Amino acid sequence: MAGSIAAEITARRAGRHLLLLCDFDGTLTPFNPDPRAVRLDEGVARLLGTLASRPDCTLGIITGRRLQDVRDRVGVTGELYVAGFHGLEIHAPGETFVHPDASAAAGTMRAIAAAMRRELALLPGVFIEDKDLSIALHYREAEPDVAATAKSRFLDAARADLAANRVRLLPGACVMELLPSTPWHKGNALEWIRERTERIHGPTFTVYVGDDVTDEDAFLAVGPGGMSIGASNRVTGAEFQVDGPAAVERVLRDLAAQDLAN
């Protein structure tokens, strides 16, 4: 399947510039119960660097992690777009974008996180990740009944702010995240990156690879002139599907071996 996807990308580009965008956790790297322990594999970083160095390819990562956090973990040589915080922060070659509403809910996030931390001692396998501009409840290592209790208490802590539209809830794979209520998501980030890429290189063939429900907006934003690839069975809106980071690596390896100029 990986080889056929790479061949399909090369055939359907029809001479257009390739814009290759990927999610990070669960797509380029396996999940880890501790997000701080995740690093991009050196072999994957080399593959991405090979693709990023090609004049007919632009590479980017769109992730829920904070921008600097993911940049510290990637280690890819060459020019790279990186969108953090579901696109509210974007680093581009020669430009950095921060959505003007990104910090509006920071105080609210801190208050909810403080309230939840008092509960954590009673909820083994559960922890709060504080991203400054958002907070995420992780429960991958929790027993099902504990996870259910954690989610219920998290929603209780955020209920008033959700009702007042100060924050919004974004569910994921064994995670629930509270974000500013700003109507901005990975699909907007994809469009922002594509618009700047096309200023330089003309029409693109856009490929987006993601593994979670947070990637569905990006799949939609790809549009009929590109390709969406799901990296798990948690997503339903992708044109193609592969099984996890190892399969994504095979697609990248086969794509790097292709002569994209043809």
C-alpha atoms as a PDB file:
ATOM      1  CA  MET A   1       0.000   0.000   0.000  1.00  0.00           C
ATOM      2  CA  ALA A   2       2.776   2.480   0.909  1.00  0.00           C
ATOM      3  CA  GLY A   3       4.432   2.115  -2.483  1.00  0.00           C
ATOM      4  CA  SER A   4       1.149   2.545  -4.308  1.00  0.00           C
ATOM      5  CA  ILE A   5       0.362   5.720  -2.332  1.00  0.00           C
ATOM      6  CA  ALA A   6       3.756   7.211  -3.186  1.00  0.00           C
ATOM      7  CA  ALA A   7       3.274   6.324  -6.839  1.00  0.00           C
ATOM      8  CA  GLU A   8      -0.227   7.827  -6.756  1.00  0.00           C
ATOM      9  CA  ILE A   9       1.140  11.082  -5.340  1.00  0.00           C
ATOM     10  CA  THR A  10       3.785  11.294  -8.046  1.00  0.00           C
ATOM     11  CA  ALA A  11       1.287  10.508 -10.809  1.00  0.00           C
ATOM     12  CA  ARG A  12      -1.402  12.919  -9.609  1.00  0.00           C
ATOM     13  CA  ARG A  13       0.915  15.856  -9.007  1.00  0.00           C
ATOM     14  CA  ALA A  14       1.074  16.420 -12.760  1.00  0.00           C
ATOM     15  CA  GLY A  15       4.053  18.726 -12.421  1.00  0.00           C
ATOM     16  CA  ARG A  16       2.671  20.773  -9.524  1.00  0.00           C
ATOM     17  CA  HIS A  17       4.767  21.631  -6.494  1.00  0.00           C
ATOM     18  CA  LEU A  18       4.328  19.063  -3.695  1.00  0.00           C
ATOM     19  CA  LEU A  19       3.204  20.437  -0.327  1.00  0.00           C
ATOM     20  CA  LEU A  20       3.555  17.607   2.195  1.00  0.00           C
ATOM     21  CA  LEU A  21       2.070  18.280   5.644  1.00  0.00           C
ATOM     22  CA  CYS A  22       1.925  15.835   8.559  1.00  0.00           C
ATOM     23  CA  ASP A  23       0.660  15.640  12.116  1.00  0.00           C
ATOM     24  CA  PHE A  24       3.316  14.714  14.694  1.00  0.00           C
ATOM     25  CA  ASP A  25       2.240  12.430  17.592  1.00  0.00           C
ATOM     26  CA  GLY A  26       0.673   9.212  16.312  1.00  0.00           C
ATOM     27  CA  THR A  27       1.611  10.030  12.716  1.00  0.00           C
ATOM     28  CA  LEU A  28       5.350  10.695  12.498  1.00  0.00           C
ATOM     29  CA  THR A  29       6.061   9.298  15.974  1.00  0.00           C
ATOM     30  CA  PRO A  30       4.384   6.610  18.092  1.00  0.00           C
ATOM     31  CA  PHE A  31       2.355   7.749  21.068  1.00  0.00           C
ATOM     32  CA  ASN A  32       4.079   7.808  24.436  1.00  0.00           C
ATOM     33  CA  PRO A  33       2.246   8.018  27.792  1.00  0.00           C
ATOM     34  CA  ASP A  34       4.632  10.885  28.622  1.00  0.00           C
ATOM     35  CA  PRO A  35       4.528  13.519  25.815  1.00  0.00           C
ATOM     36  CA  ARG A  36       7.849  14.901  27.063  1.00  0.00           C
ATOM     37  CA  ALA A  37       9.602  11.641  26.134  1.00  0.00           C
ATOM     38  CA  VAL A  38       8.696  11.792  22.430  1.00  0.00           C
ATOM     39  CA  ARG A  39      11.431  12.453  19.864  1.00  0.00           C
ATOM     40  CA  LEU A  40      11.370  12.091  16.095  1.00  0.00           C
ATOM     41  CA  ASP A  41      13.314   8.994  15.004  1.00  0.00           C
ATOM     42  CA  GLU A  42      16.573   9.903  13.284  1.00  0.00           C
ATOM     43  CA  GLY A  43      15.684   7.817  10.228  1.00  0.00           C
ATOM     44  CA  VAL A  44      12.363   9.613   9.812  1.00  0.00           C
ATOM     45  CA  ALA A  45      14.095  12.967  10.306  1.00  0.00           C
ATOM     46  CA  ARG A  46      16.538  12.088   7.507  1.00  0.00           C
ATOM     47  CA  LEU A  47      13.677  11.135   5.182  1.00  0.00           C
ATOM     48  CA  LEU A  48      11.886  14.398   5.907  1.00  0.00           C
ATOM     49  CA  GLY A  49      15.133  16.291   5.396  1.00  0.00           C
ATOM     50  CA  THR A  50      15.603  14.620   2.005  1.00  0.00           C
ATOM     51  CA  LEU A  51      12.126  15.680   0.937  1.00  0.00           C
ATOM     52  CA  ALA A  52      12.501  19.192   2.370  1.00  0.00           C
ATOM     53  CA  SER A  53      15.719  19.709   0.402  1.00  0.00           C
ATOM     54  CA  ARG A  54      14.022  19.109  -2.960  1.00  0.00           C
ATOM     55  CA  PRO A  55      13.177  22.240  -4.950  1.00  0.00           C
ATOM     56  CA  ASP A  56       9.824  20.772  -5.977  1.00  0.00           C
ATOM     57  CA  CYS A  57       8.677  19.885  -2.416  1.00  0.00           C
ATOM     58  CA  THR A  58       7.715  21.934   0.644  1.00  0.00           C
ATOM     59  CA  LEU A  59       7.383  20.204   4.000  1.00  0.00           C
ATOM     60  CA  GLY A  60       5.434  21.064   7.131  1.00  0.00           C
ATOM     61  CA  ILE A  61       4.180  19.702  10.471  1.00  0.00           C
ATOM     62  CA  ILE A  62       0.828  20.698  11.993  1.00  0.00           C
ATOM     63  CA  THR A  63       0.412  19.597  15.601  1.00  0.00           C
ATOM     64  CA  GLY A  64      -1.387  20.247  18.840  1.00  0.00           C
ATOM     65  CA  ARG A  65       1.928  20.699  20.632  1.00  0.00           C
ATOM     66  CA  ARG A  66       3.248  24.171  21.307  1.00  0.00           C
ATOM     67  CA  LEU A  67       5.333  25.521  18.455  1.00  0.00           C
ATOM     68  CA  GLN A  68       8.697  25.587  20.235  1.00  0.00           C
ATOM     69  CA  ASP A  69       8.036  22.201  21.823  1.00  0.00           C
ATOM     70  CA  VAL A  70       7.645  20.447  18.482  1.00  0.00           C
ATOM     71  CA  ARG A  71      10.525  22.367  16.875  1.00  0.00           C
ATOM     72  CA  ASP A  72      12.768  21.100  19.677  1.00  0.00           C
ATOM     73  CA  ARG A  73      11.751  17.495  18.940  1.00  0.00           C
ATOM     74  CA  VAL A  74      11.890  17.383  15.144  1.00  0.00           C
ATOM     75  CA  GLY A  75      15.554  17.756  14.121  1.00  0.00           C
ATOM     76  CA  VAL A  76      14.875  18.042  10.376  1.00  0.00           C
ATOM     77  CA  THR A  77      17.429  19.884   8.261  1.00  0.00           C
ATOM     78  CA  GLY A  78      16.208  22.297   5.615  1.00  0.00           C
ATOM     79  CA  GLU A  79      13.278  24.694   5.477  1.00  0.00           C
ATOM     80  CA  LEU A  80      10.214  23.511   7.339  1.00  0.00           C
ATOM     81  CA  TYR A  81       6.829  24.997   8.171  1.00  0.00           C
ATOM     82  CA  VAL A  82       5.763  24.146  11.726  1.00  0.00           C
ATOM     83  CA  ALA A  83       2.268  24.901  13.016  1.00  0.00           C
ATOM     84  CA  GLY A  84       1.800  24.416  16.739  1.00  0.00           C
ATOM     85  CA  PHE A  85      -1.179  24.591  19.052  1.00  0.00           C
ATOM     86  CA  HIS A  86      -3.500  23.310  16.267  1.00  0.00           C
ATOM     87  CA  GLY A  87      -2.343  26.136  14.004  1.00  0.00           C
ATOM     88  CA  LEU A  88      -2.652  29.077  16.397  1.00  0.00           C
ATOM     89  CA  GLU A  89       1.151  29.447  16.177  1.00  0.00           C
ATOM     90  CA  ILE A  90       2.988  28.952  12.864  1.00  0.00           C
ATOM     91  CA  HIS A  91       6.665  29.243  12.005  1.00  0.00           C
ATOM     92  CA  ALA A  92       7.357  29.780   8.311  1.00  0.00           C
ATOM     93  CA  PRO A  93      10.643  30.509   6.543  1.00  0.00           C
ATOM     94  CA  GLY A  94      11.132  34.200   7.292  1.00  0.00           C
ATOM     95  CA  GLU A  95       7.808  34.655   9.090  1.00  0.00           C
ATOM     96  CA  THR A  96       6.063  33.741  12.340  1.00  0.00           C
ATOM     97  CA  PHE A  97       2.297  33.900  12.872  1.00  0.00           C
ATOM     98  CA  VAL A  98       0.503  33.937  16.231  1.00  0.00           C
ATOM     99  CA  HIS A  99      -3.274  34.179  16.172  1.00  0.00           C
ATOM    100  CA  PRO A 100      -4.236  37.406  17.966  1.00  0.00           C
ATOM    101  CA  ASP A 101      -6.786  35.615  20.162  1.00  0.00           C
ATOM    102  CA  ALA A 102      -4.453  32.794  21.203  1.00  0.00           C
ATOM    103  CA  SER A 103      -3.635  34.119  24.676  1.00  0.00           C
ATOM    104  CA  ALA A 104      -7.114  35.357  25.598  1.00  0.00           C
ATOM    105  CA  ALA A 105      -8.032  32.267  27.646  1.00  0.00           C
ATOM    106  CA  ALA A 106      -4.671  31.699  29.383  1.00  0.00           C
ATOM    107  CA  GLY A 107      -5.948  32.712  32.842  1.00  0.00           C
ATOM    108  CA  THR A 108      -9.008  30.508  32.471  1.00  0.00           C
ATOM    109  CA  MET A 109      -6.799  27.554  31.503  1.00  0.00           C
ATOM    110  CA  ARG A 110      -4.598  28.020  34.567  1.00  0.00           C
ATOM    111  CA  ALA A 111      -7.627  28.086  36.870  1.00  0.00           C
ATOM    112  CA  ILE A 112      -9.098  24.888  35.399  1.00  0.00           C
ATOM    113  CA  ALA A 113      -5.702  23.139  35.538  1.00  0.00           C
ATOM    114  CA  ALA A 114      -5.278  24.132  39.198  1.00  0.00           C
ATOM    115  CA  ALA A 115      -8.717  22.777  40.040  1.00  0.00           C
ATOM    116  CA  MET A 116      -8.021  19.477  38.259  1.00  0.00           C
ATOM    117  CA  ARG A 117      -4.625  18.927  39.854  1.00  0.00           C
ATOM    118  CA  ARG A 118      -6.279  18.531  43.219  1.00  0.00           C
ATOM    119  CA  GLU A 119      -8.104  15.513  41.767  1.00  0.00           C
ATOM    120  CA  LEU A 120      -5.083  13.814  40.199  1.00  0.00           C
ATOM    121  CA  ALA A 121      -3.780  12.091  43.327  1.00  0.00           C
ATOM    122  CA  LEU A 122      -6.987  10.002  43.328  1.00  0.00           C
ATOM    123  CA  LEU A 123      -6.798   9.185  39.598  1.00  0.00           C
ATOM    124  CA  PRO A 124      -3.820   6.933  38.764  1.00  0.00           C
ATOM    125  CA  GLY A 125      -2.739   6.966  35.107  1.00  0.00           C
ATOM    126  CA  VAL A 126      -4.164  10.446  34.540  1.00  0.00           C
ATOM    127  CA  PHE A 127      -2.277  13.735  34.198  1.00  0.00           C
ATOM    128  CA  ILE A 128      -2.787  17.306  33.046  1.00  0.00           C
ATOM    129  CA  GLU A 129      -0.469  18.734  30.369  1.00  0.00           C
ATOM    130  CA  ASP A 130      -0.258  22.513  30.681  1.00  0.00           C
ATOM    131  CA  LYS A 131       0.584  24.116  27.306  1.00  0.00           C
ATOM    132  CA  ASP A 132       0.103  27.687  28.604  1.00  0.00           C
ATOM    133  CA  LEU A 133      -2.504  28.476  25.956  1.00  0.00           C
ATOM    134  CA  SER A 134      -4.388  25.204  26.429  1.00  0.00           C
ATOM    135  CA  ILE A 135      -4.609  22.287  28.833  1.00  0.00           C
ATOM    136  CA  ALA A 136      -4.935  18.621  27.974  1.00  0.00           C
ATOM    137  CA  LEU A 137      -6.198  15.753  30.115  1.00  0.00           C
ATOM    138  CA  HIS A 138      -4.291  12.546  29.281  1.00  0.00           C
ATOM    139  CA  TYR A 139      -5.690   9.185  30.378  1.00  0.00           C
ATOM    140  CA  ARG A 140      -3.961   6.630  28.114  1.00  0.00           C
ATOM    141  CA  GLU A 141      -2.534   4.726  31.097  1.00  0.00           C
ATOM    142  CA  ALA A 142      -5.711   4.835  33.225  1.00  0.00           C
ATOM    143  CA  GLU A 143      -8.137   1.992  33.811  1.00  0.00           C
ATOM    144  CA  PRO A 144     -11.461   2.517  31.997  1.00  0.00           C
ATOM    145  CA  ASP A 145     -13.418   3.440  35.137  1.00  0.00           C
ATOM    146  CA  VAL A 146     -10.701   5.868  36.227  1.00  0.00           C
ATOM    147  CA  ALA A 147     -10.602   7.423  32.736  1.00  0.00           C
ATOM    148  CA  ALA A 148     -14.372   7.891  32.800  1.00  0.00           C
ATOM    149  CA  THR A 149     -14.165   9.598  36.199  1.00  0.00           C
ATOM    150  CA  ALA A 150     -11.313  11.843  35.012  1.00  0.00           C
ATOM    151  CA  LYS A 151     -13.220  12.945  31.914  1.00  0.00           C
ATOM    152  CA  SER A 152     -16.334  13.681  33.943  1.00  0.00           C
ATOM    153  CA  ARG A 153     -14.421  15.792  36.479  1.00  0.00           C
ATOM    154  CA  PHE A 154     -12.530  17.606  33.713  1.00  0.00           C
ATOM    155  CA  LEU A 155     -15.809  18.561  32.072  1.00  0.00           C
ATOM    156  CA  ASP A 156     -17.218  19.635  35.433  1.00  0.00           C
ATOM    157  CA  ALA A 157     -14.212  21.906  36.030  1.00  0.00           C
ATOM    158  CA  ALA A 158     -14.611  23.497  32.596  1.00  0.00           C
ATOM    159  CA  ARG A 159     -18.399  23.548  32.375  1.00  0.00           C
ATOM    160  CA  ALA A 160     -18.947  27.250  33.128  1.00  0.00           C
ATOM    161  CA  ASP A 161     -16.214  28.371  30.740  1.00  0.00           C
ATOM    162  CA  LEU A 162     -17.472  26.066  27.990  1.00  0.00           C
ATOM    163  CA  ALA A 163     -21.002  27.413  28.451  1.00  0.00           C
ATOM    164  CA  ALA A 164     -19.717  30.998  28.286  1.00  0.00           C
ATOM    165  CA  ASN A 165     -17.778  30.179  25.082  1.00  0.00           C
ATOM    166  CA  ARG A 166     -14.473  31.201  26.660  1.00  0.00           C
ATOM    167  CA  VAL A 167     -12.964  27.819  25.755  1.00  0.00           C
ATOM    168  CA  ARG A 168     -13.794  24.913  23.453  1.00  0.00           C
ATOM    169  CA  LEU A 169     -13.297  21.176  23.891  1.00  0.00           C
ATOM    170  CA  LEU A 170     -11.276  19.108  21.438  1.00  0.00           C
ATOM    171  CA  PRO A 171     -11.322  15.319  22.019  1.00  0.00           C
ATOM    172  CA  GLY A 172      -8.492  13.118  20.783  1.00  0.00           C
ATOM    173  CA  ALA A 173      -6.920   9.698  21.261  1.00  0.00           C
ATOM    174  CA  CYS A 174      -7.035   9.166  25.056  1.00  0.00           C
ATOM    175  CA  VAL A 175      -6.894  12.925  25.540  1.00  0.00           C
ATOM    176  CA  MET A 176      -9.343  15.807  26.010  1.00  0.00           C
ATOM    177  CA  GLU A 177      -8.011  19.293  25.335  1.00  0.00           C
ATOM    178  CA  LEU A 178      -9.386  22.712  26.166  1.00  0.00           C
ATOM    179  CA  LEU A 179      -8.478  25.444  23.685  1.00  0.00           C
ATOM    180  CA  PRO A 180      -9.400  29.107  23.262  1.00  0.00           C
ATOM    181  CA  SER A 181     -12.787  29.423  21.582  1.00  0.00           C
ATOM    182  CA  THR A 182     -11.136  31.066  18.575  1.00  0.00           C
ATOM    183  CA  PRO A 183     -12.554  29.484  15.391  1.00  0.00           C
ATOM    184  CA  TRP A 184      -9.163  28.333  14.079  1.00  0.00           C
ATOM    185  CA  HIS A 185      -7.961  24.772  13.525  1.00  0.00           C
ATOM    186  CA  LYS A 186      -5.544  22.603  11.562  1.00  0.00           C
ATOM    187  CA  GLY A 187      -7.499  23.182   8.351  1.00  0.00           C
ATOM    188  CA  ASN A 188      -6.941  26.937   8.672  1.00  0.00           C
ATOM    189  CA  ALA A 189      -3.249  26.301   9.297  1.00  0.00           C
ATOM    190  CA  LEU A 190      -3.043  24.156   6.158  1.00  0.00           C
ATOM    191  CA  GLU A 191      -4.649  26.920   4.097  1.00  0.00           C
ATOM    192  CA  TRP A 192      -2.288  29.527   5.603  1.00  0.00           C
ATOM    193  CA  ILE A 193       0.766  27.428   4.705  1.00  0.00           C
ATOM    194  CA  ARG A 194      -0.548  26.562   1.238  1.00  0.00           C
ATOM    195  CA  GLU A 195      -1.253  30.202   0.393  1.00  0.00           C
ATOM    196  CA  ARG A 196       2.336  31.170   1.214  1.00  0.00           C
ATOM    197  CA  THR A 197       3.786  28.179  -0.591  1.00  0.00           C
ATOM    198  CA  GLU A 198       1.818  28.997  -3.732  1.00  0.00           C
ATOM    199  CA  ARG A 199       3.064  32.597  -3.687  1.00  0.00           C
ATOM    200  CA  ILE A 200       6.537  31.187  -4.243  1.00  0.00           C
ATOM    201  CA  HIS A 201       6.007  27.965  -6.200  1.00  0.00           C
ATOM    202  CA  GLY A 202       2.657  28.335  -7.949  1.00  0.00           C
ATOM    203  CA  PRO A 203      -0.102  25.680  -7.781  1.00  0.00           C
ATOM    204  CA  THR A 204       0.497  22.868  -5.295  1.00  0.00           C
ATOM    205  CA  PHE A 205      -0.504  19.264  -4.908  1.00  0.00           C
ATOM    206  CA  THR A 206      -1.210  19.198  -1.177  1.00  0.00           C
ATOM    207  CA  VAL A 207      -0.885  15.987   0.866  1.00  0.00           C
ATOM    208  CA  TYR A 208      -1.905  15.864   4.521  1.00  0.00           C
ATOM    209  CA  VAL A 209      -1.223  12.893   6.814  1.00  0.00           C
ATOM    210  CA  GLY A 210      -2.880  12.634  10.236  1.00  0.00           C
ATOM    211  CA  ASP A 211      -4.115  10.045  12.700  1.00  0.00           C
ATOM    212  CA  ASP A 212      -6.770  11.626  14.916  1.00  0.00           C
ATOM    213  CA  VAL A 213     -10.083  13.463  14.899  1.00  0.00           C
ATOM    214  CA  THR A 214      -8.170  16.734  15.312  1.00  0.00           C
ATOM    215  CA  ASP A 215      -6.888  16.156  11.752  1.00  0.00           C
ATOM    216  CA  GLU A 216     -10.303  15.923  10.097  1.00  0.00           C
ATOM    217  CA  ASP A 217     -10.439  19.692   9.451  1.00  0.00           C
ATOM    218  CA  ALA A 218      -7.129  19.454   7.611  1.00  0.00           C
ATOM    219  CA  PHE A 219      -8.409  16.563   5.496  1.00  0.00           C
ATOM    220  CA  LEU A 220     -11.324  18.760   4.421  1.00  0.00           C
ATOM    221  CA  ALA A 221      -9.040  21.703   3.687  1.00  0.00           C
ATOM    222  CA  VAL A 222      -6.880  19.613   1.335  1.00  0.00           C
ATOM    223  CA  GLY A 223      -9.712  19.741  -1.206  1.00  0.00           C
ATOM    224  CA  PRO A 224     -10.155  17.746  -4.423  1.00  0.00           C
ATOM    225  CA  GLY A 225      -6.818  18.841  -5.850  1.00  0.00           C
ATOM    226  CA  GLY A 226      -4.739  17.017  -3.264  1.00  0.00           C
ATOM    227  CA  MET A 227      -4.640  13.863  -1.131  1.00  0.00           C
ATOM    228  CA  SER A 228      -5.499  13.056   2.491  1.00  0.00           C
ATOM    229  CA  ILE A 229      -3.978  10.051   4.271  1.00  0.00           C
ATOM    230  CA  GLY A 230      -5.277   8.713   7.591  1.00  0.00           C
ATOM    231  CA  ALA A 231      -2.666   7.090   9.823  1.00  0.00           C
ATOM    232  CA  SER A 232      -5.165   5.213  12.021  1.00  0.00           C
ATOM    233  CA  ASN A 233      -8.727   3.921  12.080  1.00  0.00           C
ATOM    234  CA  ARG A 234      -9.717   6.826  14.344  1.00  0.00           C
ATOM    235  CA  VAL A 235     -10.172   9.058  11.294  1.00  0.00           C
ATOM    236  CA  THR A 236     -12.848   8.701   8.626  1.00  0.00           C
ATOM    237  CA  GLY A 237     -12.368  11.676   6.302  1.00  0.00           C
ATOM    238  CA  ALA A 238      -9.152  10.619   4.564  1.00  0.00           C
ATOM    239  CA  GLU A 239      -8.941   9.326   1.016  1.00  0.00           C
ATOM    240  CA  PHE A 240      -6.286   6.727   1.891  1.00  0.00           C
ATOM    241  CA  GLN A 241      -5.478   4.947   5.147  1.00  0.00           C
ATOM    242  CA  VAL A 242      -2.301   3.397   6.569  1.00  0.00           C
ATOM    243  CA  ASP A 243      -1.608   1.822   9.942  1.00  0.00           C
ATOM    244  CA  GLY A 244       0.450   4.031  12.209  1.00  0.00           C
ATOM    245  CA  PRO A 245       3.839   5.777  12.144  1.00  0.00           C
ATOM    246  CA  ALA A 246       5.716   2.777  10.743  1.00  0.00           C
ATOM    247  CA  ALA A 247       3.437   2.744   7.695  1.00  0.00           C
ATOM    248  CA  VAL A 248       3.757   6.523   7.337  1.00  0.00           C
ATOM    249  CA  GLU A 249       7.539   6.091   7.350  1.00  0.00           C
ATOM    250  CA  ARG A 250       7.237   3.571   4.501  1.00  0.00           C
ATOM    251  CA  VAL A 251       5.213   6.075   2.464  1.00  0.00           C
ATOM    252  CA  LEU A 252       7.861   8.737   3.097  1.00  0.00           C
ATOM    253  CA  ARG A 253      10.657   6.320   2.198  1.00  0.00           C
ATOM    254  CA  ASP A 254       8.980   5.346  -1.066  1.00  0.00           C
ATOM    255  CA  LEU A 255       8.202   8.972  -1.835  1.00  0.00           C
ATOM    256  CA  ALA A 256      11.795   9.999  -1.186  1.00  0.00           C
ATOM    257  CA  ALA A 257      12.891   7.304  -3.649  1.00  0.00           C
ATOM    258  CA  GLN A 258      10.547   8.639  -6.326  1.00  0.00           C
ATOM    259  CA  ASP A 259      11.762  11.090  -8.950  1.00  0.00           C
ATOM    260  CA  LEU A 260       9.281  13.834  -8.096  1.00  0.00           C
ATOM    261  CA  ALA A 261      10.236  15.855 -11.136  1.00  0.00           C
ATOM    262  CA  ASN A 262       8.498  13.337 -13.390  1.00  0.00           C
END
